[in-house]
Amino acid sequence: MKVMLLKQLKYFISIVEKGNFTEAVEENYISQSAISQQIQSLENELGYKLLIREKRTKRVWSKFLS
């Protein structure tokens, strides 16, 4: 279970650093649907939405930036 959490955190950090899922997918050699599922799983486990999902962009929820 801890290994999965670490991978999920790695994917989340990648999305934040790259600014979008597309580049994070390429960097991590994972499909778009798989990375989306991993982020949703991480959000569910933590009980918080980590990303604001918009049509073409993803933003970190501001609660985590303050």
Protein backbone atom coordinates (compact mmCIF):
# COMPACT_ATOMS: atom_id res chain seq x y z
CA MET A 1 0.00 0.00 0.00
CA LYS A 2 2.80 2.46 0.81
CA VAL A 3 4.44 1.86 -2.58
CA MET A 4 1.20 2.83 -4.33
CA LEU A 5 0.93 6.01 -2.25
CA LEU A 6 4.48 6.97 -3.19
CA LYS A 7 3.73 6.44 -6.89
CA GLN A 8 0.57 8.49 -6.58
CA LEU A 9 2.52 11.31 -4.92
CA LYS A 10 5.15 11.09 -7.67
CA TYR A 11 2.42 11.44 -10.32
CA PHE A 12 0.84 14.36 -8.46
CA ILE A 13 4.17 16.18 -8.18
CA SER A 14 4.81 15.57 -11.86
CA ILE A 15 1.43 17.06 -12.82
CA VAL A 16 2.08 20.12 -10.67
CA GLU A 17 5.60 20.61 -12.04
CA LYS A 18 4.58 20.10 -15.67
CA GLY A 19 1.31 21.99 -15.34
CA ASN A 20 -0.76 19.39 -17.16
CA PHE A 21 -1.56 15.70 -17.36
CA THR A 22 -0.20 15.27 -20.89
CA GLU A 23 3.40 16.05 -20.04
CA ALA A 24 3.18 14.15 -16.74
CA VAL A 25 1.92 11.11 -18.66
CA GLU A 26 4.86 11.27 -21.04
CA GLU A 27 7.36 11.75 -18.22
CA ASN A 28 6.03 8.78 -16.23
CA TYR A 29 5.29 6.40 -19.13
CA ILE A 30 1.69 5.88 -17.99
CA SER A 31 -1.63 6.35 -19.78
CA GLN A 32 -3.88 9.36 -19.30
CA SER A 33 -6.65 7.25 -17.78
CA ALA A 34 -4.23 5.45 -15.44
CA ILE A 35 -2.72 8.65 -14.07
CA SER A 36 -6.19 10.16 -13.64
CA GLN A 37 -7.30 7.10 -11.68
CA GLN A 38 -4.19 7.27 -9.50
CA ILE A 39 -4.78 10.93 -8.68
CA GLN A 40 -8.45 10.29 -7.90
CA SER A 41 -7.43 7.40 -5.66
CA LEU A 42 -4.93 9.64 -3.86
CA GLU A 43 -7.58 12.33 -3.41
CA ASN A 44 -10.00 9.76 -2.02
CA GLU A 45 -7.43 8.37 0.38
CA LEU A 46 -6.49 11.84 1.64
CA GLY A 47 -10.08 13.07 1.67
CA TYR A 48 -9.21 16.22 -0.29
CA LYS A 49 -9.40 17.39 -3.88
CA LEU A 50 -5.82 18.14 -4.88
CA LEU A 51 -6.46 19.48 -8.37
CA ILE A 52 -9.02 21.80 -9.88
CA ARG A 53 -10.00 20.13 -13.11
CA GLU A 54 -10.83 22.44 -15.99
CA LYS A 55 -11.21 21.67 -19.68
CA ARG A 56 -7.58 22.03 -20.72
CA THR A 57 -5.74 22.76 -17.48
CA LYS A 58 -5.29 21.40 -14.02
CA ARG A 59 -4.49 23.65 -11.09
CA VAL A 60 -3.44 22.82 -7.58
CA TRP A 61 -6.23 23.57 -5.16
CA SER A 62 -5.18 26.79 -3.41
CA LYS A 63 -5.69 25.31 0.07
CA PHE A 64 -2.41 23.45 -0.37
CA LEU A 65 -0.48 26.53 -1.43
CA SER A 66 -1.14 28.61 1.70
